[in-house]
Every structure is written in structure tokens, then in C-alpha cells.
Amino acid sequence: EAFVAQDKPVAAVCHGPAAFVNTKTKDGKPLVA
């Protein structure tokens, strides 16, 4: 969430994207929405 708020790249592959499942944007929406 800190990386996203600072407009830094975040990346994941295969099962790694599970790390994004409970992350939110600064407005409280799911990161992937």
C-alpha cells in the first residue's frame, strides 16, 4: 500500500499476486478493482 501510494511499481508472478488480495488503495478500494 505504501509503494502504491507513492506511485512506485509493484509486481508479482504466479501465486505471488495473492499478496495483493487484501491490499487497498488510499481511497479504501481493493488494489485490483
All heavy atoms as atom14 arrays in JSON, in Angstrom:
{
  "sequence": "EAFVAQDKPVAAVCHGPAAFVNTKTKDGKPLVA",
  "atom14_mask": [
    [1, 1, 1, 1, 1, 1, 1, 1, 1, 0, 0, 0, 0, 0],
    [1, 1, 1, 1, 1, 0, 0, 0, 0, 0, 0, 0, 0, 0],
    [1, 1, 1, 1, 1, 1, 1, 1, 1, 1, 1, 0, 0, 0],
    [1, 1, 1, 1, 1, 1, 1, 0, 0, 0, 0, 0, 0, 0],
    [1, 1, 1, 1, 1, 0, 0, 0, 0, 0, 0, 0, 0, 0],
    [1, 1, 1, 1, 1, 1, 1, 1, 1, 0, 0, 0, 0, 0],
    [1, 1, 1, 1, 1, 1, 1, 1, 0, 0, 0, 0, 0, 0],
    [1, 1, 1, 1, 1, 1, 1, 1, 1, 0, 0, 0, 0, 0],
    [1, 1, 1, 1, 1, 1, 1, 0, 0, 0, 0, 0, 0, 0],
    [1, 1, 1, 1, 1, 1, 1, 0, 0, 0, 0, 0, 0, 0],
    [1, 1, 1, 1, 1, 0, 0, 0, 0, 0, 0, 0, 0, 0],
    [1, 1, 1, 1, 1, 0, 0, 0, 0, 0, 0, 0, 0, 0],
    [1, 1, 1, 1, 1, 1, 1, 0, 0, 0, 0, 0, 0, 0],
    [1, 1, 1, 1, 1, 1, 0, 0, 0, 0, 0, 0, 0, 0],
    [1, 1, 1, 1, 1, 1, 1, 1, 1, 1, 0, 0, 0, 0],
    [1, 1, 1, 1, 0, 0, 0, 0, 0, 0, 0, 0, 0, 0],
    [1, 1, 1, 1, 1, 1, 1, 0, 0, 0, 0, 0, 0, 0],
    [1, 1, 1, 1, 1, 0, 0, 0, 0, 0, 0, 0, 0, 0],
    [1, 1, 1, 1, 1, 0, 0, 0, 0, 0, 0, 0, 0, 0],
    [1, 1, 1, 1, 1, 1, 1, 1, 1, 1, 1, 0, 0, 0],
    [1, 1, 1, 1, 1, 1, 1, 0, 0, 0, 0, 0, 0, 0],
    [1, 1, 1, 1, 1, 1, 1, 1, 0, 0, 0, 0, 0, 0],
    [1, 1, 1, 1, 1, 1, 1, 0, 0, 0, 0, 0, 0, 0],
    [1, 1, 1, 1, 1, 1, 1, 1, 1, 0, 0, 0, 0, 0],
    [1, 1, 1, 1, 1, 1, 1, 0, 0, 0, 0, 0, 0, 0],
    [1, 1, 1, 1, 1, 1, 1, 1, 1, 0, 0, 0, 0, 0],
    [1, 1, 1, 1, 1, 1, 1, 1, 0, 0, 0, 0, 0, 0],
    [1, 1, 1, 1, 0, 0, 0, 0, 0, 0, 0, 0, 0, 0],
    [1, 1, 1, 1, 1, 1, 1, 1, 1, 0, 0, 0, 0, 0],
    [1, 1, 1, 1, 1, 1, 1, 0, 0, 0, 0, 0, 0, 0],
    [1, 1, 1, 1, 1, 1, 1, 1, 0, 0, 0, 0, 0, 0],
    [1, 1, 1, 1, 1, 1, 1, 0, 0, 0, 0, 0, 0, 0],
    [1, 1, 1, 1, 1, 0, 0, 0, 0, 0, 0, 0, 0, 0]
  ],
  "atom14_positions": [
    [[0.83, -1.21, 0.0], [0.0, 0.0, 0.0], [0.86, 1.26, 0.0], [0.53, 2.25, -0.67], [-0.96, -0.02, 1.19], [-2.04, -1.07, 1.03], [-2.94, -1.24, 2.23], [-2.62, -0.73, 3.34], [-3.98, -1.91, 2.07], [0.0, 0.0, 0.0], [0.0, 0.0, 0.0], [0.0, 0.0, 0.0], [0.0, 0.0, 0.0], [0.0, 0.0, 0.0]],
    [[1.98, 1.24, 0.7], [2.89, 2.4, 0.71], [3.51, 2.6, -0.67], [3.61, 3.75, -1.14], [3.97, 2.2, 1.77], [0.0, 0.0, 0.0], [0.0, 0.0, 0.0], [0.0, 0.0, 0.0], [0.0, 0.0, 0.0], [0.0, 0.0, 0.0], [0.0, 0.0, 0.0], [0.0, 0.0, 0.0], [0.0, 0.0, 0.0], [0.0, 0.0, 0.0]],
    [[3.94, 1.53, -1.31], [4.5, 1.64, -2.66], [3.48, 2.21, -3.62], [3.77, 3.1, -4.42], [5.0, 0.27, -3.16], [6.44, 0.0, -2.88], [6.94, -0.01, -1.6], [7.31, -0.27, -3.92], [8.27, -0.28, -1.34], [8.65, -0.54, -3.68], [9.13, -0.54, -2.39], [0.0, 0.0, 0.0], [0.0, 0.0, 0.0], [0.0, 0.0, 0.0]],
    [[2.25, 1.71, -3.56], [1.19, 2.18, -4.46], [0.9, 3.65, -4.19], [0.77, 4.45, -5.13], [-0.08, 1.31, -4.3], [-1.26, 1.92, -5.03], [0.19, -0.1, -4.81], [0.0, 0.0, 0.0], [0.0, 0.0, 0.0], [0.0, 0.0, 0.0], [0.0, 0.0, 0.0], [0.0, 0.0, 0.0], [0.0, 0.0, 0.0], [0.0, 0.0, 0.0]],
    [[0.82, 4.05, -2.93], [0.55, 5.45, -2.58], [1.65, 6.38, -3.09], [1.38, 7.55, -3.39], [0.38, 5.59, -1.07], [0.0, 0.0, 0.0], [0.0, 0.0, 0.0], [0.0, 0.0, 0.0], [0.0, 0.0, 0.0], [0.0, 0.0, 0.0], [0.0, 0.0, 0.0], [0.0, 0.0, 0.0], [0.0, 0.0, 0.0], [0.0, 0.0, 0.0]],
    [[2.87, 5.86, -3.19], [4.0, 6.65, -3.68], [4.2, 6.49, -5.18], [5.21, 6.93, -5.73], [5.27, 6.24, -2.94], [5.22, 6.55, -1.46], [6.4, 5.92, -0.72], [7.53, 5.95, -1.19], [6.12, 5.34, 0.43], [0.0, 0.0, 0.0], [0.0, 0.0, 0.0], [0.0, 0.0, 0.0], [0.0, 0.0, 0.0], [0.0, 0.0, 0.0]],
    [[3.26, 5.84, -5.86], [3.31, 5.61, -7.3], [4.55, 4.85, -7.73], [5.14, 5.13, -8.77], [3.18, 6.94, -8.06], [2.75, 6.74, -9.5], [1.98, 5.8, -9.77], [3.2, 7.51, -10.37], [0.0, 0.0, 0.0], [0.0, 0.0, 0.0], [0.0, 0.0, 0.0], [0.0, 0.0, 0.0], [0.0, 0.0, 0.0], [0.0, 0.0, 0.0]],
    [[4.93, 3.88, -6.91], [6.07, 3.0, -7.23], [5.54, 1.7, -7.81], [4.45, 1.25, -7.44], [6.89, 2.71, -5.98], [7.59, 3.92, -5.41], [8.39, 3.56, -4.17], [9.12, 4.77, -3.63], [9.89, 4.43, -2.42], [0.0, 0.0, 0.0], [0.0, 0.0, 0.0], [0.0, 0.0, 0.0], [0.0, 0.0, 0.0], [0.0, 0.0, 0.0]],
    [[6.29, 1.06, -8.7], [5.83, -0.2, -9.29], [5.75, -1.33, -8.26], [6.59, -1.43, -7.37], [6.91, -0.53, -10.32], [7.7, 0.7, -10.52], [7.56, 1.51, -9.28], [0.0, 0.0, 0.0], [0.0, 0.0, 0.0], [0.0, 0.0, 0.0], [0.0, 0.0, 0.0], [0.0, 0.0, 0.0], [0.0, 0.0, 0.0], [0.0, 0.0, 0.0]],
    [[4.71, -2.14, -8.4], [4.57, -3.37, -7.64], [4.28, -4.48, -8.64], [3.51, -4.3, -9.58], [3.49, -3.3, -6.54], [3.88, -2.33, -5.45], [2.14, -2.93, -7.1], [0.0, 0.0, 0.0], [0.0, 0.0, 0.0], [0.0, 0.0, 0.0], [0.0, 0.0, 0.0], [0.0, 0.0, 0.0], [0.0, 0.0, 0.0], [0.0, 0.0, 0.0]],
    [[4.93, -5.61, -8.44], [4.8, -6.71, -9.4], [4.78, -8.04, -8.66], [5.34, -8.17, -7.58], [5.97, -6.67, -10.38], [0.0, 0.0, 0.0], [0.0, 0.0, 0.0], [0.0, 0.0, 0.0], [0.0, 0.0, 0.0], [0.0, 0.0, 0.0], [0.0, 0.0, 0.0], [0.0, 0.0, 0.0], [0.0, 0.0, 0.0], [0.0, 0.0, 0.0]],
    [[4.13, -9.01, -9.31], [4.07, -10.37, -8.75], [3.77, -11.35, -9.87], [3.15, -10.99, -10.87], [3.0, -10.45, -7.67], [0.0, 0.0, 0.0], [0.0, 0.0, 0.0], [0.0, 0.0, 0.0], [0.0, 0.0, 0.0], [0.0, 0.0, 0.0], [0.0, 0.0, 0.0], [0.0, 0.0, 0.0], [0.0, 0.0, 0.0], [0.0, 0.0, 0.0]],
    [[4.21, -12.58, -9.66], [4.01, -13.6, -10.69], [3.51, -14.9, -10.05], [3.83, -15.19, -8.89], [5.32, -13.84, -11.49], [6.39, -14.46, -10.63], [5.08, -14.65, -12.74], [0.0, 0.0, 0.0], [0.0, 0.0, 0.0], [0.0, 0.0, 0.0], [0.0, 0.0, 0.0], [0.0, 0.0, 0.0], [0.0, 0.0, 0.0], [0.0, 0.0, 0.0]],
    [[2.72, -15.64, -10.81], [2.22, -16.96, -10.44], [1.3, -16.86, -9.22], [0.22, -16.3, -9.31], [3.39, -17.92, -10.23], [2.9, -19.65, -10.1], [0.0, 0.0, 0.0], [0.0, 0.0, 0.0], [0.0, 0.0, 0.0], [0.0, 0.0, 0.0], [0.0, 0.0, 0.0], [0.0, 0.0, 0.0], [0.0, 0.0, 0.0], [0.0, 0.0, 0.0]],
    [[1.7, -17.38, -8.06], [0.9, -17.24, -6.85], [1.25, -15.97, -6.06], [0.55, -15.62, -5.12], [1.09, -18.47, -5.95], [0.46, -19.7, -6.49], [1.12, -20.57, -7.33], [-0.78, -20.21, -6.33], [0.31, -21.56, -7.65], [-0.85, -21.37, -7.06], [0.0, 0.0, 0.0], [0.0, 0.0, 0.0], [0.0, 0.0, 0.0], [0.0, 0.0, 0.0]],
    [[2.32, -15.3, -6.46], [2.71, -14.05, -5.8], [1.62, -12.99, -5.78], [1.51, -12.24, -4.8], [0.0, 0.0, 0.0], [0.0, 0.0, 0.0], [0.0, 0.0, 0.0], [0.0, 0.0, 0.0], [0.0, 0.0, 0.0], [0.0, 0.0, 0.0], [0.0, 0.0, 0.0], [0.0, 0.0, 0.0], [0.0, 0.0, 0.0], [0.0, 0.0, 0.0]],
    [[0.78, -12.88, -6.84], [-0.28, -11.87, -6.79], [-1.25, -12.04, -5.61], [-2.01, -11.12, -5.31], [-1.0, -12.05, -8.14], [0.08, -12.51, -9.06], [0.9, -13.45, -8.19], [0.0, 0.0, 0.0], [0.0, 0.0, 0.0], [0.0, 0.0, 0.0], [0.0, 0.0, 0.0], [0.0, 0.0, 0.0], [0.0, 0.0, 0.0], [0.0, 0.0, 0.0]],
    [[-1.22, -13.18, -4.93], [-2.03, -13.32, -3.71], [-1.69, -12.24, -2.7], [-2.52, -11.87, -1.87], [-1.83, -14.71, -3.1], [0.0, 0.0, 0.0], [0.0, 0.0, 0.0], [0.0, 0.0, 0.0], [0.0, 0.0, 0.0], [0.0, 0.0, 0.0], [0.0, 0.0, 0.0], [0.0, 0.0, 0.0], [0.0, 0.0, 0.0], [0.0, 0.0, 0.0]],
    [[-0.48, -11.7, -2.78], [-0.08, -10.62, -1.87], [-0.94, -9.38, -2.06], [-1.0, -8.53, -1.17], [1.4, -10.27, -2.1], [0.0, 0.0, 0.0], [0.0, 0.0, 0.0], [0.0, 0.0, 0.0], [0.0, 0.0, 0.0], [0.0, 0.0, 0.0], [0.0, 0.0, 0.0], [0.0, 0.0, 0.0], [0.0, 0.0, 0.0], [0.0, 0.0, 0.0]],
    [[-1.62, -9.27, -3.2], [-2.46, -8.09, -3.47], [-3.91, -8.28, -3.04], [-4.69, -7.33, -3.09], [-2.42, -7.76, -4.96], [-1.05, -7.53, -5.53], [-0.74, -7.94, -6.81], [-0.05, -6.91, -4.78], [0.53, -7.74, -7.35], [1.22, -6.71, -5.31], [1.5, -7.11, -6.59], [0.0, 0.0, 0.0], [0.0, 0.0, 0.0], [0.0, 0.0, 0.0]],
    [[-4.27, -9.47, -2.61], [-5.67, -9.78, -2.32], [-6.27, -8.88, -1.25], [-7.42, -8.46, -1.37], [-5.82, -11.28, -1.94], [-7.17, -11.57, -1.32], [-5.6, -12.15, -3.16], [0.0, 0.0, 0.0], [0.0, 0.0, 0.0], [0.0, 0.0, 0.0], [0.0, 0.0, 0.0], [0.0, 0.0, 0.0], [0.0, 0.0, 0.0], [0.0, 0.0, 0.0]],
    [[-5.55, -8.56, -0.22], [-6.1, -7.73, 0.86], [-5.54, -6.32, 0.89], [-5.71, -5.62, 1.88], [-5.88, -8.44, 2.21], [-6.8, -9.63, 2.35], [-8.01, -9.49, 2.26], [-6.23, -10.8, 2.55], [0.0, 0.0, 0.0], [0.0, 0.0, 0.0], [0.0, 0.0, 0.0], [0.0, 0.0, 0.0], [0.0, 0.0, 0.0], [0.0, 0.0, 0.0]],
    [[-4.9, -5.91, -0.18], [-4.37, -4.54, -0.23], [-5.43, -3.59, -0.75], [-6.3, -3.96, -1.53], [-3.11, -4.46, -1.11], [-3.43, -4.91, -2.42], [-1.98, -5.29, -0.53], [0.0, 0.0, 0.0], [0.0, 0.0, 0.0], [0.0, 0.0, 0.0], [0.0, 0.0, 0.0], [0.0, 0.0, 0.0], [0.0, 0.0, 0.0], [0.0, 0.0, 0.0]],
    [[-5.32, -2.36, -0.3], [-6.29, -1.31, -0.68], [-5.54, -0.11, -1.24], [-4.38, 0.13, -0.92], [-7.09, -0.87, 0.55], [-7.75, -1.98, 1.33], [-9.06, -2.36, 0.74], [-9.77, -3.36, 1.64], [-10.36, -4.44, 0.93], [0.0, 0.0, 0.0], [0.0, 0.0, 0.0], [0.0, 0.0, 0.0], [0.0, 0.0, 0.0], [0.0, 0.0, 0.0]],
    [[-6.25, 0.67, -2.02], [-5.72, 1.96, -2.47], [-5.96, 2.97, -1.36], [-6.66, 2.69, -0.39], [-6.42, 2.4, -3.76], [-7.82, 2.55, -3.51], [-6.2, 1.41, -4.9], [0.0, 0.0, 0.0], [0.0, 0.0, 0.0], [0.0, 0.0, 0.0], [0.0, 0.0, 0.0], [0.0, 0.0, 0.0], [0.0, 0.0, 0.0], [0.0, 0.0, 0.0]],
    [[-5.42, 4.17, -1.52], [-5.57, 5.16, -0.44], [-7.03, 5.57, -0.22], [-7.37, 6.06, 0.84], [-4.67, 6.37, -0.68], [-4.85, 7.09, -1.96], [-3.81, 8.18, -2.11], [-3.74, 8.63, -3.55], [-2.64, 9.56, -3.76], [0.0, 0.0, 0.0], [0.0, 0.0, 0.0], [0.0, 0.0, 0.0], [0.0, 0.0, 0.0], [0.0, 0.0, 0.0]],
    [[-7.91, 5.31, -1.2], [-9.33, 5.61, -1.01], [-10.12, 4.42, -0.48], [-11.35, 4.45, -0.43], [-9.95, 6.17, -2.29], [-9.9, 5.21, -3.47], [-9.35, 4.1, -3.32], [-10.38, 5.59, -4.56], [0.0, 0.0, 0.0], [0.0, 0.0, 0.0], [0.0, 0.0, 0.0], [0.0, 0.0, 0.0], [0.0, 0.0, 0.0], [0.0, 0.0, 0.0]],
    [[-9.4, 3.34, -0.07], [-10.03, 2.2, 0.58], [-10.59, 1.13, -0.34], [-11.18, 0.16, 0.12], [0.0, 0.0, 0.0], [0.0, 0.0, 0.0], [0.0, 0.0, 0.0], [0.0, 0.0, 0.0], [0.0, 0.0, 0.0], [0.0, 0.0, 0.0], [0.0, 0.0, 0.0], [0.0, 0.0, 0.0], [0.0, 0.0, 0.0], [0.0, 0.0, 0.0]],
    [[-10.4, 1.27, -1.65], [-10.88, 0.26, -2.59], [-9.84, -0.85, -2.73], [-8.65, -0.61, -2.55], [-11.13, 0.9, -3.96], [-12.26, 1.9, -3.97], [-12.45, 2.48, -5.36], [-13.54, 3.53, -5.32], [-13.61, 4.28, -6.57], [0.0, 0.0, 0.0], [0.0, 0.0, 0.0], [0.0, 0.0, 0.0], [0.0, 0.0, 0.0], [0.0, 0.0, 0.0]],
    [[-10.28, -2.05, -3.1], [-9.3, -3.11, -3.36], [-8.3, -2.65, -4.43], [-8.69, -2.0, -5.41], [-10.15, -4.27, -3.88], [-11.51, -4.03, -3.31], [-11.66, -2.52, -3.29], [0.0, 0.0, 0.0], [0.0, 0.0, 0.0], [0.0, 0.0, 0.0], [0.0, 0.0, 0.0], [0.0, 0.0, 0.0], [0.0, 0.0, 0.0], [0.0, 0.0, 0.0]],
    [[-7.05, -2.96, -4.22], [-6.0, -2.55, -5.16], [-6.31, -2.96, -6.59], [-6.06, -2.2, -7.53], [-4.65, -3.15, -4.74], [-3.49, -2.92, -5.69], [-3.16, -1.43, -5.79], [-2.27, -3.71, -5.26], [0.0, 0.0, 0.0], [0.0, 0.0, 0.0], [0.0, 0.0, 0.0], [0.0, 0.0, 0.0], [0.0, 0.0, 0.0], [0.0, 0.0, 0.0]],
    [[-6.89, -4.14, -6.78], [-7.11, -4.65, -8.14], [-8.41, -4.17, -8.76], [-8.63, -4.39, -9.96], [-7.05, -6.19, -8.17], [-5.69, -6.69, -7.68], [-8.19, -6.83, -7.39], [0.0, 0.0, 0.0], [0.0, 0.0, 0.0], [0.0, 0.0, 0.0], [0.0, 0.0, 0.0], [0.0, 0.0, 0.0], [0.0, 0.0, 0.0], [0.0, 0.0, 0.0]],
    [[-9.28, -3.51, -8.02], [-10.58, -3.08, -8.55], [-10.4, -2.2, -9.78], [-9.67, -1.22, -9.76], [-11.37, -2.34, -7.48], [0.0, 0.0, 0.0], [0.0, 0.0, 0.0], [0.0, 0.0, 0.0], [0.0, 0.0, 0.0], [0.0, 0.0, 0.0], [0.0, 0.0, 0.0], [0.0, 0.0, 0.0], [0.0, 0.0, 0.0], [0.0, 0.0, 0.0]]
  ]
}
